[in-house]
Amino acid sequence: MATTTRRESDEARKKRGGRIVRKLHKLYPDVSTALQHRSPLELLVATILSAQCTDERVNRVTPALFARYPAAADYASADQQDVEEIIRPTGFFRNKARSLVALGKGLVEKHGGEVPGRLEDLVQLPGIGRKTANVVLGACFGVPGIAVDTHVKRLSGRLGLSAKTDPVKIEFDLMGLLPKKEWTFTSHALIWHGRRVCSARSPRCRECGLLSDCPWPDKRLD
């Protein structure tokens, strides 16, 4: 998947990365997370549920979940089986329910029931990795971050922005390549572009607004 970028200098890659971001702004000027939420807690929960599940399905499940458990303390004291029944359509519901109950307990015990606004605090909570933390920080706290999901991972390789396969290493490659103020936007825009155009199996390369800056050798141009 990853594109070889050894012949491209760091300076040239950074300039090309800047062009890609500018094009993404034109393609997706108002992009944001598709997960519906009204608070950092709701987005944290929705992001956990989105693992191996579409945002659309998560958004169908969360209204009932948020109404039943409006605060971290509610998750902390919840019966896991009750949570499982609500979130069953999102898949892997037992593990996710276990994570939500543990998350509630962690927030109550360590942060007075409030979602912290620092990455180093978020990743110490049960079930929270850097991707989820960066989603919440960018959307709810205005803290720039790059959330590397499967779409960002795929497009970073195809666009020659990172040759890495580990999400954390990709995150740091993009952080070094792009202006900090663009980190959150770029994550959202690459996710949308991956869903709409640069899909895993059938990328629509001829329709791609990034085509002229894409070095991927397997472009579908026929």
N, C-alpha and C. Protein backbone atom coordinates (compact mmCIF):
# COMPACT_ATOMS: atom_id res chain seq x y z
N MET A 1 0.83 -1.21 0.00
CA MET A 1 0.00 0.00 0.00
C MET A 1 0.86 1.26 0.00
N ALA A 2 1.91 1.26 0.84
CA ALA A 2 2.72 2.46 0.97
C ALA A 2 3.48 2.76 -0.30
N THR A 3 3.59 4.02 -0.60
CA THR A 3 4.31 4.45 -1.79
C THR A 3 5.76 4.75 -1.43
N THR A 4 6.67 4.31 -2.26
CA THR A 4 8.07 4.61 -2.02
C THR A 4 8.33 6.10 -2.26
N THR A 5 8.92 6.75 -1.26
CA THR A 5 9.13 8.19 -1.35
C THR A 5 10.60 8.56 -1.21
N ARG A 6 11.52 7.58 -1.37
CA ARG A 6 12.94 7.83 -1.13
C ARG A 6 13.54 8.81 -2.13
N ARG A 7 12.98 8.92 -3.33
CA ARG A 7 13.54 9.83 -4.32
C ARG A 7 13.06 11.26 -4.12
N GLU A 8 12.08 11.45 -3.29
CA GLU A 8 11.53 12.77 -3.05
C GLU A 8 12.16 13.37 -1.80
N SER A 9 12.68 14.56 -1.89
CA SER A 9 13.30 15.20 -0.73
C SER A 9 12.24 15.56 0.29
N ASP A 10 12.67 15.75 1.53
CA ASP A 10 11.74 16.15 2.59
C ASP A 10 11.07 17.48 2.25
N GLU A 11 11.84 18.39 1.68
CA GLU A 11 11.30 19.71 1.33
C GLU A 11 10.23 19.58 0.24
N ALA A 12 10.53 18.74 -0.78
CA ALA A 12 9.56 18.56 -1.86
C ALA A 12 8.29 17.88 -1.35
N ARG A 13 8.45 16.92 -0.44
CA ARG A 13 7.28 16.23 0.11
C ARG A 13 6.45 17.18 0.94
N LYS A 14 7.11 18.06 1.67
CA LYS A 14 6.37 19.03 2.49
C LYS A 14 5.59 20.00 1.60
N LYS A 15 6.19 20.42 0.50
CA LYS A 15 5.48 21.32 -0.43
C LYS A 15 4.29 20.60 -1.06
N ARG A 16 4.49 19.36 -1.42
CA ARG A 16 3.40 18.59 -2.02
C ARG A 16 2.30 18.36 -0.99
N GLY A 17 2.71 18.10 0.24
CA GLY A 17 1.73 17.95 1.31
C GLY A 17 0.90 19.21 1.49
N GLY A 18 1.54 20.36 1.38
CA GLY A 18 0.82 21.63 1.47
C GLY A 18 -0.18 21.79 0.35
N ARG A 19 0.21 21.38 -0.85
CA ARG A 19 -0.73 21.47 -1.98
C ARG A 19 -1.91 20.54 -1.77
N ILE A 20 -1.66 19.36 -1.25
CA ILE A 20 -2.74 18.41 -0.98
C ILE A 20 -3.72 18.98 0.03
N VAL A 21 -3.22 19.60 1.08
CA VAL A 21 -4.10 20.19 2.10
C VAL A 21 -4.94 21.31 1.49
N ARG A 22 -4.33 22.14 0.67
CA ARG A 22 -5.09 23.23 0.04
C ARG A 22 -6.20 22.68 -0.86
N LYS A 23 -5.91 21.61 -1.58
CA LYS A 23 -6.92 20.99 -2.43
C LYS A 23 -8.03 20.36 -1.58
N LEU A 24 -7.65 19.77 -0.46
CA LEU A 24 -8.65 19.18 0.43
C LEU A 24 -9.59 20.25 0.98
N HIS A 25 -9.06 21.44 1.24
CA HIS A 25 -9.90 22.54 1.71
C HIS A 25 -10.95 22.91 0.66
N LYS A 26 -10.55 22.86 -0.60
CA LYS A 26 -11.50 23.18 -1.67
C LYS A 26 -12.53 22.06 -1.84
N LEU A 27 -12.09 20.82 -1.67
CA LEU A 27 -12.99 19.69 -1.85
C LEU A 27 -13.95 19.53 -0.68
N TYR A 28 -13.46 19.78 0.55
CA TYR A 28 -14.26 19.54 1.76
C TYR A 28 -14.13 20.73 2.71
N PRO A 29 -14.67 21.87 2.34
CA PRO A 29 -14.46 23.09 3.13
C PRO A 29 -15.07 23.05 4.52
N ASP A 30 -16.12 22.28 4.71
CA ASP A 30 -16.82 22.27 6.00
C ASP A 30 -16.76 20.91 6.68
N VAL A 31 -15.72 20.15 6.39
CA VAL A 31 -15.64 18.79 6.91
C VAL A 31 -15.47 18.77 8.43
N SER A 32 -16.08 17.79 9.05
CA SER A 32 -15.91 17.57 10.49
C SER A 32 -16.24 16.10 10.77
N THR A 33 -16.14 15.70 12.01
CA THR A 33 -16.48 14.32 12.33
C THR A 33 -17.95 14.05 12.03
N ALA A 34 -18.22 12.87 11.50
CA ALA A 34 -19.60 12.50 11.17
C ALA A 34 -20.34 11.92 12.38
N LEU A 35 -19.64 11.72 13.47
CA LEU A 35 -20.27 11.17 14.67
C LEU A 35 -21.05 12.26 15.39
N GLN A 36 -22.32 12.03 15.60
CA GLN A 36 -23.18 13.03 16.24
C GLN A 36 -22.94 13.05 17.74
N HIS A 37 -22.76 14.24 18.29
CA HIS A 37 -22.47 14.36 19.72
C HIS A 37 -22.79 15.77 20.18
N ARG A 38 -22.98 15.92 21.50
CA ARG A 38 -23.24 17.22 22.08
C ARG A 38 -22.24 17.56 23.19
N SER A 39 -21.31 16.69 23.44
CA SER A 39 -20.34 16.91 24.52
C SER A 39 -19.11 16.05 24.28
N PRO A 40 -18.00 16.36 24.96
CA PRO A 40 -16.81 15.51 24.83
C PRO A 40 -17.08 14.06 25.23
N LEU A 41 -17.89 13.85 26.27
CA LEU A 41 -18.19 12.49 26.68
C LEU A 41 -18.93 11.73 25.58
N GLU A 42 -19.92 12.38 24.98
CA GLU A 42 -20.66 11.70 23.92
C GLU A 42 -19.77 11.37 22.73
N LEU A 43 -18.86 12.25 22.38
CA LEU A 43 -17.96 11.95 21.25
C LEU A 43 -16.99 10.85 21.62
N LEU A 44 -16.52 10.84 22.86
CA LEU A 44 -15.63 9.79 23.32
C LEU A 44 -16.31 8.43 23.22
N VAL A 45 -17.53 8.36 23.68
CA VAL A 45 -18.30 7.12 23.62
C VAL A 45 -18.57 6.72 22.16
N ALA A 46 -18.99 7.68 21.35
CA ALA A 46 -19.30 7.38 19.95
C ALA A 46 -18.06 6.88 19.20
N THR A 47 -16.92 7.45 19.50
CA THR A 47 -15.69 7.04 18.82
C THR A 47 -15.31 5.62 19.21
N ILE A 48 -15.51 5.26 20.47
CA ILE A 48 -15.26 3.88 20.89
C ILE A 48 -16.18 2.93 20.13
N LEU A 49 -17.44 3.31 19.98
CA LEU A 49 -18.40 2.46 19.28
C LEU A 49 -18.12 2.36 17.79
N SER A 50 -17.42 3.34 17.23
CA SER A 50 -17.18 3.38 15.78
C SER A 50 -16.13 2.39 15.32
N ALA A 51 -15.41 1.76 16.25
CA ALA A 51 -14.40 0.77 15.86
C ALA A 51 -15.07 -0.37 15.10
N GLN A 52 -14.61 -0.62 13.87
CA GLN A 52 -15.14 -1.68 13.02
C GLN A 52 -16.65 -1.53 12.81
N CYS A 53 -17.11 -0.29 12.73
CA CYS A 53 -18.53 -0.02 12.52
C CYS A 53 -18.66 1.31 11.79
N THR A 54 -19.70 1.45 10.99
CA THR A 54 -19.89 2.70 10.26
C THR A 54 -20.40 3.80 11.19
N ASP A 55 -20.06 5.02 10.86
CA ASP A 55 -20.57 6.15 11.65
C ASP A 55 -22.09 6.22 11.60
N GLU A 56 -22.67 5.88 10.45
CA GLU A 56 -24.12 5.92 10.32
C GLU A 56 -24.80 4.98 11.32
N ARG A 57 -24.27 3.80 11.47
CA ARG A 57 -24.86 2.85 12.42
C ARG A 57 -24.67 3.33 13.85
N VAL A 58 -23.49 3.87 14.14
CA VAL A 58 -23.25 4.41 15.48
C VAL A 58 -24.27 5.51 15.79
N ASN A 59 -24.48 6.38 14.81
CA ASN A 59 -25.42 7.49 15.03
C ASN A 59 -26.86 7.02 15.24
N ARG A 60 -27.19 5.84 14.75
CA ARG A 60 -28.53 5.30 14.99
C ARG A 60 -28.66 4.74 16.41
N VAL A 61 -27.54 4.31 16.96
CA VAL A 61 -27.54 3.68 18.29
C VAL A 61 -27.40 4.69 19.43
N THR A 62 -26.60 5.72 19.21
CA THR A 62 -26.22 6.60 20.32
C THR A 62 -27.34 7.43 20.94
N PRO A 63 -28.40 7.84 20.22
CA PRO A 63 -29.44 8.61 20.92
C PRO A 63 -30.02 7.89 22.14
N ALA A 64 -30.32 6.61 22.00
CA ALA A 64 -30.85 5.84 23.13
C ALA A 64 -29.79 5.66 24.21
N LEU A 65 -28.56 5.44 23.79
CA LEU A 65 -27.47 5.25 24.75
C LEU A 65 -27.22 6.52 25.55
N PHE A 66 -27.16 7.66 24.86
CA PHE A 66 -26.90 8.93 25.53
C PHE A 66 -28.04 9.32 26.47
N ALA A 67 -29.26 8.96 26.09
CA ALA A 67 -30.40 9.26 26.96
C ALA A 67 -30.37 8.41 28.23
N ARG A 68 -29.93 7.18 28.08
CA ARG A 68 -29.88 6.25 29.23
C ARG A 68 -28.69 6.57 30.14
N TYR A 69 -27.58 7.01 29.55
CA TYR A 69 -26.35 7.25 30.31
C TYR A 69 -25.80 8.64 29.98
N PRO A 70 -26.36 9.69 30.55
CA PRO A 70 -25.95 11.05 30.19
C PRO A 70 -24.63 11.51 30.81
N ALA A 71 -24.14 10.82 31.83
CA ALA A 71 -22.93 11.26 32.52
C ALA A 71 -21.97 10.09 32.72
N ALA A 72 -20.71 10.41 32.97
CA ALA A 72 -19.71 9.37 33.19
C ALA A 72 -20.10 8.46 34.35
N ALA A 73 -20.67 9.04 35.39
CA ALA A 73 -21.07 8.24 36.56
C ALA A 73 -22.13 7.21 36.19
N ASP A 74 -22.95 7.52 35.19
CA ASP A 74 -23.98 6.57 34.75
C ASP A 74 -23.36 5.35 34.09
N TYR A 75 -22.32 5.57 33.30
CA TYR A 75 -21.60 4.44 32.71
C TYR A 75 -20.89 3.64 33.79
N ALA A 76 -20.31 4.35 34.76
CA ALA A 76 -19.56 3.70 35.82
C ALA A 76 -20.43 2.74 36.62
N SER A 77 -21.69 3.08 36.80
CA SER A 77 -22.59 2.25 37.61
C SER A 77 -23.51 1.39 36.75
N ALA A 78 -23.31 1.39 35.46
CA ALA A 78 -24.20 0.66 34.55
C ALA A 78 -24.02 -0.84 34.66
N ASP A 79 -25.09 -1.56 34.39
CA ASP A 79 -25.02 -3.00 34.24
C ASP A 79 -24.50 -3.27 32.82
N GLN A 80 -23.42 -4.00 32.70
CA GLN A 80 -22.79 -4.19 31.40
C GLN A 80 -23.74 -4.83 30.39
N GLN A 81 -24.56 -5.75 30.84
CA GLN A 81 -25.49 -6.40 29.91
C GLN A 81 -26.52 -5.42 29.35
N ASP A 82 -26.92 -4.44 30.16
CA ASP A 82 -27.86 -3.43 29.67
C ASP A 82 -27.21 -2.58 28.58
N VAL A 83 -25.93 -2.24 28.79
CA VAL A 83 -25.20 -1.47 27.78
C VAL A 83 -25.06 -2.31 26.50
N GLU A 84 -24.77 -3.59 26.67
CA GLU A 84 -24.60 -4.47 25.52
C GLU A 84 -25.84 -4.50 24.64
N GLU A 85 -27.00 -4.56 25.25
CA GLU A 85 -28.24 -4.63 24.49
C GLU A 85 -28.46 -3.40 23.62
N ILE A 86 -28.07 -2.25 24.14
CA ILE A 86 -28.27 -1.01 23.39
C ILE A 86 -27.29 -0.90 22.23
N ILE A 87 -26.04 -1.29 22.47
CA ILE A 87 -25.00 -1.08 21.46
C ILE A 87 -24.76 -2.30 20.58
N ARG A 88 -25.55 -3.35 20.74
CA ARG A 88 -25.36 -4.59 19.99
C ARG A 88 -25.18 -4.38 18.49
N PRO A 89 -25.96 -3.48 17.84
CA PRO A 89 -25.82 -3.31 16.39
C PRO A 89 -24.45 -2.81 15.94
N THR A 90 -23.63 -2.28 16.84
CA THR A 90 -22.32 -1.74 16.44
C THR A 90 -21.25 -2.82 16.32
N GLY A 91 -21.58 -4.06 16.74
CA GLY A 91 -20.60 -5.13 16.66
C GLY A 91 -19.62 -5.10 17.83
N PHE A 92 -19.04 -6.26 18.12
CA PHE A 92 -18.09 -6.38 19.23
C PHE A 92 -18.65 -5.73 20.50
N PHE A 93 -19.95 -5.92 20.68
CA PHE A 93 -20.67 -5.15 21.70
C PHE A 93 -20.25 -5.49 23.13
N ARG A 94 -19.80 -6.73 23.37
CA ARG A 94 -19.37 -7.07 24.73
C ARG A 94 -18.10 -6.33 25.11
N ASN A 95 -17.14 -6.36 24.22
CA ASN A 95 -15.89 -5.63 24.49
C ASN A 95 -16.14 -4.13 24.60
N LYS A 96 -16.99 -3.61 23.72
CA LYS A 96 -17.27 -2.17 23.75
C LYS A 96 -18.01 -1.79 25.03
N ALA A 97 -18.97 -2.60 25.44
CA ALA A 97 -19.71 -2.32 26.67
C ALA A 97 -18.75 -2.35 27.87
N ARG A 98 -17.86 -3.32 27.87
CA ARG A 98 -16.87 -3.41 28.96
C ARG A 98 -16.00 -2.15 28.98
N SER A 99 -15.62 -1.68 27.80
CA SER A 99 -14.80 -0.46 27.72
C SER A 99 -15.55 0.76 28.22
N LEU A 100 -16.85 0.85 27.89
CA LEU A 100 -17.63 2.02 28.29
C LEU A 100 -17.82 2.07 29.80
N VAL A 101 -18.07 0.92 30.42
CA VAL A 101 -18.21 0.89 31.88
C VAL A 101 -16.87 1.25 32.54
N ALA A 102 -15.78 0.68 32.02
CA ALA A 102 -14.46 0.98 32.57
C ALA A 102 -14.10 2.45 32.35
N LEU A 103 -14.48 2.99 31.19
CA LEU A 103 -14.22 4.40 30.91
C LEU A 103 -14.94 5.28 31.93
N GLY A 104 -16.21 4.98 32.17
CA GLY A 104 -16.96 5.76 33.15
C GLY A 104 -16.30 5.74 34.52
N LYS A 105 -15.85 4.57 34.94
CA LYS A 105 -15.18 4.46 36.24
C LYS A 105 -13.88 5.26 36.25
N GLY A 106 -13.13 5.19 35.14
CA GLY A 106 -11.88 5.93 35.07
C GLY A 106 -12.08 7.43 35.12
N LEU A 107 -13.11 7.91 34.42
CA LEU A 107 -13.39 9.35 34.43
C LEU A 107 -13.83 9.81 35.81
N VAL A 108 -14.65 9.02 36.48
CA VAL A 108 -15.12 9.39 37.82
C VAL A 108 -13.96 9.38 38.82
N GLU A 109 -13.15 8.33 38.76
CA GLU A 109 -12.08 8.17 39.75
C GLU A 109 -10.93 9.14 39.55
N LYS A 110 -10.60 9.44 38.29
CA LYS A 110 -9.41 10.24 38.02
C LYS A 110 -9.69 11.69 37.66
N HIS A 111 -10.90 11.98 37.16
CA HIS A 111 -11.16 13.31 36.63
C HIS A 111 -12.50 13.89 37.07
N GLY A 112 -13.04 13.39 38.15
CA GLY A 112 -14.29 13.93 38.67
C GLY A 112 -15.45 13.82 37.71
N GLY A 113 -15.39 12.83 36.81
CA GLY A 113 -16.47 12.60 35.87
C GLY A 113 -16.39 13.44 34.61
N GLU A 114 -15.37 14.28 34.49
CA GLU A 114 -15.21 15.14 33.31
C GLU A 114 -14.18 14.56 32.35
N VAL A 115 -14.36 14.81 31.07
CA VAL A 115 -13.40 14.36 30.06
C VAL A 115 -12.22 15.33 30.05
N PRO A 116 -11.00 14.85 30.28
CA PRO A 116 -9.84 15.75 30.29
C PRO A 116 -9.51 16.25 28.90
N GLY A 117 -8.86 17.41 28.83
CA GLY A 117 -8.52 18.02 27.55
C GLY A 117 -7.07 17.88 27.17
N ARG A 118 -6.40 16.85 27.71
CA ARG A 118 -4.99 16.61 27.37
C ARG A 118 -4.82 15.18 26.88
N LEU A 119 -4.04 15.02 25.83
CA LEU A 119 -3.84 13.71 25.25
C LEU A 119 -3.24 12.75 26.26
N GLU A 120 -2.26 13.22 27.04
CA GLU A 120 -1.60 12.33 27.98
C GLU A 120 -2.55 11.81 29.04
N ASP A 121 -3.60 12.56 29.36
CA ASP A 121 -4.61 12.08 30.31
C ASP A 121 -5.61 11.15 29.63
N LEU A 122 -6.01 11.47 28.43
CA LEU A 122 -6.99 10.66 27.72
C LEU A 122 -6.49 9.25 27.46
N VAL A 123 -5.23 9.13 27.03
CA VAL A 123 -4.73 7.80 26.66
C VAL A 123 -4.50 6.90 27.88
N GLN A 124 -4.60 7.47 29.08
CA GLN A 124 -4.49 6.66 30.29
C GLN A 124 -5.83 6.06 30.68
N LEU A 125 -6.90 6.47 30.01
CA LEU A 125 -8.23 5.95 30.32
C LEU A 125 -8.45 4.62 29.60
N PRO A 126 -9.25 3.73 30.20
CA PRO A 126 -9.52 2.43 29.57
C PRO A 126 -10.14 2.57 28.19
N GLY A 127 -9.58 1.84 27.22
CA GLY A 127 -10.15 1.80 25.88
C GLY A 127 -9.85 2.99 25.01
N ILE A 128 -9.01 3.92 25.48
CA ILE A 128 -8.73 5.14 24.72
C ILE A 128 -7.30 5.11 24.18
N GLY A 129 -7.17 5.12 22.86
CA GLY A 129 -5.86 5.21 22.23
C GLY A 129 -5.64 6.60 21.65
N ARG A 130 -4.55 6.78 20.97
CA ARG A 130 -4.21 8.09 20.42
C ARG A 130 -5.22 8.55 19.38
N LYS A 131 -5.73 7.62 18.58
CA LYS A 131 -6.70 8.02 17.55
C LYS A 131 -7.95 8.62 18.18
N THR A 132 -8.53 7.90 19.13
CA THR A 132 -9.74 8.39 19.80
C THR A 132 -9.46 9.69 20.53
N ALA A 133 -8.33 9.76 21.21
CA ALA A 133 -7.98 10.97 21.94
C ALA A 133 -7.86 12.17 21.01
N ASN A 134 -7.23 11.99 19.86
CA ASN A 134 -7.06 13.09 18.92
C ASN A 134 -8.39 13.53 18.31
N VAL A 135 -9.30 12.60 18.09
CA VAL A 135 -10.63 12.96 17.59
C VAL A 135 -11.33 13.89 18.57
N VAL A 136 -11.33 13.53 19.83
CA VAL A 136 -12.01 14.31 20.86
C VAL A 136 -11.32 15.64 21.10
N LEU A 137 -10.01 15.63 21.15
CA LEU A 137 -9.27 16.88 21.39
C LEU A 137 -9.51 17.88 20.27
N GLY A 138 -9.49 17.41 19.03
CA GLY A 138 -9.68 18.33 17.91
C GLY A 138 -11.08 18.87 17.82
N ALA A 139 -12.08 18.00 18.03
CA ALA A 139 -13.48 18.41 17.84
C ALA A 139 -14.04 19.17 19.03
N CYS A 140 -13.59 18.85 20.24
CA CYS A 140 -14.21 19.40 21.44
C CYS A 140 -13.35 20.40 22.20
N PHE A 141 -12.05 20.34 22.01
CA PHE A 141 -11.16 21.21 22.79
C PHE A 141 -10.31 22.13 21.91
N GLY A 142 -10.44 22.01 20.60
CA GLY A 142 -9.66 22.85 19.71
C GLY A 142 -8.17 22.58 19.74
N VAL A 143 -7.80 21.37 20.16
CA VAL A 143 -6.38 20.99 20.22
C VAL A 143 -6.03 20.23 18.94
N PRO A 144 -5.15 20.75 18.10
CA PRO A 144 -4.82 20.08 16.85
C PRO A 144 -4.27 18.68 17.07
N GLY A 145 -4.70 17.76 16.25
CA GLY A 145 -4.20 16.39 16.34
C GLY A 145 -4.56 15.63 15.09
N ILE A 146 -3.82 14.57 14.81
CA ILE A 146 -4.06 13.74 13.63
C ILE A 146 -4.53 12.37 14.10
N ALA A 147 -5.75 12.06 13.76
CA ALA A 147 -6.34 10.76 14.12
C ALA A 147 -6.16 9.81 12.95
N VAL A 148 -5.36 8.78 13.14
CA VAL A 148 -5.05 7.86 12.05
C VAL A 148 -5.97 6.64 12.13
N ASP A 149 -6.99 6.63 11.29
CA ASP A 149 -7.85 5.45 11.16
C ASP A 149 -7.45 4.71 9.89
N THR A 150 -8.26 3.76 9.47
CA THR A 150 -7.89 2.97 8.29
C THR A 150 -7.83 3.82 7.02
N HIS A 151 -8.70 4.84 6.92
CA HIS A 151 -8.69 5.70 5.74
C HIS A 151 -7.43 6.57 5.70
N VAL A 152 -7.11 7.19 6.83
CA VAL A 152 -5.91 8.04 6.89
C VAL A 152 -4.67 7.20 6.63
N LYS A 153 -4.64 6.01 7.17
CA LYS A 153 -3.50 5.11 6.95
C LYS A 153 -3.35 4.79 5.46
N ARG A 154 -4.45 4.43 4.82
CA ARG A 154 -4.41 4.05 3.40
C ARG A 154 -4.00 5.24 2.53
N LEU A 155 -4.62 6.38 2.74
CA LEU A 155 -4.34 7.54 1.90
C LEU A 155 -2.95 8.10 2.14
N SER A 156 -2.46 8.04 3.36
CA SER A 156 -1.10 8.51 3.64
C SER A 156 -0.08 7.72 2.84
N GLY A 157 -0.34 6.42 2.69
CA GLY A 157 0.55 5.59 1.89
C GLY A 157 0.41 5.86 0.40
N ARG A 158 -0.82 5.91 -0.08
CA ARG A 158 -1.03 6.13 -1.51
C ARG A 158 -0.53 7.49 -1.95
N LEU A 159 -0.71 8.49 -1.11
CA LEU A 159 -0.28 9.85 -1.45
C LEU A 159 1.21 10.08 -1.20
N GLY A 160 1.89 9.07 -0.69
CA GLY A 160 3.31 9.20 -0.45
C GLY A 160 3.66 10.15 0.67
N LEU A 161 2.75 10.31 1.63
CA LEU A 161 3.01 11.20 2.77
C LEU A 161 3.68 10.46 3.91
N SER A 162 3.54 9.14 3.92
CA SER A 162 4.22 8.32 4.90
C SER A 162 4.36 6.91 4.35
N ALA A 163 5.52 6.33 4.52
CA ALA A 163 5.76 4.96 4.09
C ALA A 163 5.57 3.99 5.24
N LYS A 164 5.16 4.49 6.40
CA LYS A 164 5.01 3.65 7.58
C LYS A 164 3.66 2.92 7.54
N THR A 165 3.55 1.88 8.35
CA THR A 165 2.30 1.14 8.48
C THR A 165 1.73 1.24 9.89
N ASP A 166 2.56 1.57 10.86
CA ASP A 166 2.10 1.73 12.23
C ASP A 166 1.38 3.07 12.39
N PRO A 167 0.14 3.08 12.92
CA PRO A 167 -0.62 4.33 13.00
C PRO A 167 0.09 5.45 13.76
N VAL A 168 0.78 5.12 14.83
CA VAL A 168 1.46 6.16 15.60
C VAL A 168 2.61 6.77 14.78
N LYS A 169 3.33 5.93 14.06
CA LYS A 169 4.42 6.43 13.23
C LYS A 169 3.89 7.28 12.08
N ILE A 170 2.74 6.87 11.52
CA ILE A 170 2.10 7.68 10.47
C ILE A 170 1.70 9.03 11.05
N GLU A 171 1.11 9.01 12.24
CA GLU A 171 0.70 10.25 12.90
C GLU A 171 1.87 11.22 13.02
N PHE A 172 3.01 10.72 13.48
CA PHE A 172 4.17 11.60 13.66
C PHE A 172 4.77 12.05 12.33
N ASP A 173 4.71 11.19 11.31
CA ASP A 173 5.15 11.61 9.98
C ASP A 173 4.32 12.79 9.49
N LEU A 174 3.00 12.69 9.62
CA LEU A 174 2.11 13.75 9.15
C LEU A 174 2.27 15.01 9.99
N MET A 175 2.50 14.85 11.28
CA MET A 175 2.73 16.01 12.15
C MET A 175 3.97 16.79 11.71
N GLY A 176 4.99 16.05 11.28
CA GLY A 176 6.21 16.71 10.83
C GLY A 176 6.10 17.30 9.44
N LEU A 177 5.11 16.85 8.70
CA LEU A 177 4.96 17.26 7.30
C LEU A 177 4.00 18.44 7.13
N LEU A 178 2.98 18.51 7.98
CA LEU A 178 1.91 19.48 7.79
C LEU A 178 1.91 20.53 8.90
N PRO A 179 1.43 21.75 8.60
CA PRO A 179 1.31 22.79 9.63
C PRO A 179 0.38 22.32 10.74
N LYS A 180 0.70 22.66 11.97
CA LYS A 180 -0.08 22.19 13.12
C LYS A 180 -1.55 22.58 13.02
N LYS A 181 -1.81 23.78 12.51
CA LYS A 181 -3.19 24.25 12.42
C LYS A 181 -4.03 23.41 11.47
N GLU A 182 -3.38 22.61 10.61
CA GLU A 182 -4.09 21.80 9.63
C GLU A 182 -4.28 20.35 10.07
N TRP A 183 -3.76 19.97 11.21
CA TRP A 183 -3.78 18.56 11.60
C TRP A 183 -5.19 18.00 11.71
N THR A 184 -6.05 18.66 12.47
CA THR A 184 -7.40 18.13 12.68
C THR A 184 -8.18 18.12 11.37
N PHE A 185 -8.12 19.21 10.63
CA PHE A 185 -8.83 19.27 9.35
C PHE A 185 -8.36 18.16 8.42
N THR A 186 -7.05 17.97 8.30
CA THR A 186 -6.52 16.99 7.37
C THR A 186 -7.01 15.59 7.71
N SER A 187 -7.06 15.27 9.01
CA SER A 187 -7.59 13.95 9.41
C SER A 187 -9.01 13.76 8.89
N HIS A 188 -9.87 14.74 9.19
CA HIS A 188 -11.27 14.62 8.76
C HIS A 188 -11.37 14.56 7.24
N ALA A 189 -10.61 15.40 6.55
CA ALA A 189 -10.71 15.46 5.09
C ALA A 189 -10.23 14.17 4.43
N LEU A 190 -9.16 13.60 4.94
CA LEU A 190 -8.67 12.34 4.38
C LEU A 190 -9.67 11.21 4.62
N ILE A 191 -10.34 11.22 5.76
CA ILE A 191 -11.35 10.21 6.04
C ILE A 191 -12.50 10.33 5.03
N TRP A 192 -12.98 11.55 4.83
CA TRP A 192 -14.06 11.76 3.87
C TRP A 192 -13.62 11.38 2.46
N HIS A 193 -12.40 11.76 2.08
CA HIS A 193 -11.91 11.45 0.75
C HIS A 193 -11.75 9.93 0.57
N GLY A 194 -11.31 9.26 1.63
CA GLY A 194 -11.18 7.81 1.57
C GLY A 194 -12.51 7.11 1.40
N ARG A 195 -13.54 7.66 2.00
CA ARG A 195 -14.87 7.06 1.89
C ARG A 195 -15.52 7.35 0.53
N ARG A 196 -15.31 8.55 0.03
CA ARG A 196 -16.04 8.98 -1.16
C ARG A 196 -15.30 8.70 -2.46
N VAL A 197 -13.98 8.74 -2.44
CA VAL A 197 -13.21 8.65 -3.69
C VAL A 197 -12.14 7.56 -3.63
N CYS A 198 -11.24 7.67 -2.68
CA CYS A 198 -10.07 6.79 -2.64
C CYS A 198 -10.34 5.57 -1.75
N SER A 199 -11.31 4.76 -2.15
CA SER A 199 -11.69 3.59 -1.38
C SER A 199 -10.62 2.51 -1.47
N ALA A 200 -10.70 1.54 -0.59
CA ALA A 200 -9.68 0.51 -0.54
C ALA A 200 -9.67 -0.36 -1.79
N ARG A 201 -10.87 -0.76 -2.25
CA ARG A 201 -10.94 -1.73 -3.35
C ARG A 201 -11.16 -1.09 -4.71
N SER A 202 -11.93 -0.03 -4.76
CA SER A 202 -12.27 0.56 -6.07
C SER A 202 -12.09 2.07 -6.06
N PRO A 203 -10.85 2.54 -5.94
CA PRO A 203 -10.62 3.99 -5.93
C PRO A 203 -11.01 4.61 -7.26
N ARG A 204 -11.65 5.77 -7.20
CA ARG A 204 -12.09 6.46 -8.41
C ARG A 204 -11.03 7.51 -8.77
N CYS A 205 -9.91 7.04 -9.25
CA CYS A 205 -8.75 7.91 -9.47
C CYS A 205 -9.02 9.00 -10.50
N ARG A 206 -9.76 8.68 -11.55
CA ARG A 206 -10.02 9.69 -12.59
C ARG A 206 -10.83 10.86 -12.04
N GLU A 207 -11.60 10.64 -10.98
CA GLU A 207 -12.44 11.68 -10.39
C GLU A 207 -11.75 12.38 -9.22
N CYS A 208 -10.53 11.98 -8.92
CA CYS A 208 -9.86 12.45 -7.71
C CYS A 208 -9.27 13.84 -7.87
N GLY A 209 -9.63 14.73 -6.96
CA GLY A 209 -9.10 16.09 -6.99
C GLY A 209 -7.66 16.19 -6.55
N LEU A 210 -7.10 15.07 -6.08
CA LEU A 210 -5.70 15.06 -5.64
C LEU A 210 -4.80 14.35 -6.65
N LEU A 211 -5.34 13.96 -7.78
CA LEU A 211 -4.64 13.09 -8.72
C LEU A 211 -3.28 13.63 -9.13
N SER A 212 -3.18 14.92 -9.39
CA SER A 212 -1.91 15.47 -9.89
C SER A 212 -0.81 15.45 -8.84
N ASP A 213 -1.17 15.29 -7.57
CA ASP A 213 -0.16 15.22 -6.50
C ASP A 213 -0.07 13.83 -5.89
N CYS A 214 -0.64 12.85 -6.57
CA CYS A 214 -0.65 11.48 -6.05
C CYS A 214 0.37 10.62 -6.79
N PRO A 215 1.40 10.10 -6.12
CA PRO A 215 2.41 9.28 -6.77
C PRO A 215 2.10 7.78 -6.75
N TRP A 216 0.92 7.41 -6.25
CA TRP A 216 0.59 5.99 -6.11
C TRP A 216 0.74 5.28 -7.46
N PRO A 217 1.57 4.25 -7.55
CA PRO A 217 1.83 3.60 -8.84
C PRO A 217 0.67 2.76 -9.35
N ASP A 218 -0.29 2.45 -8.50
CA ASP A 218 -1.40 1.59 -8.90
C ASP A 218 -2.69 2.37 -9.17
N LYS A 219 -2.56 3.61 -9.57
CA LYS A 219 -3.75 4.44 -9.86
C LYS A 219 -4.61 3.77 -10.92
N ARG A 220 -5.95 3.87 -10.73
CA ARG A 220 -6.90 3.28 -11.67
C ARG A 220 -7.30 4.35 -12.69
N LEU A 221 -6.66 4.31 -13.83
CA LEU A 221 -6.90 5.34 -14.85
C LEU A 221 -7.54 4.78 -16.11
N ASP A 222 -7.90 3.51 -16.08
CA ASP A 222 -8.52 2.93 -17.28
C ASP A 222 -10.03 2.90 -17.15
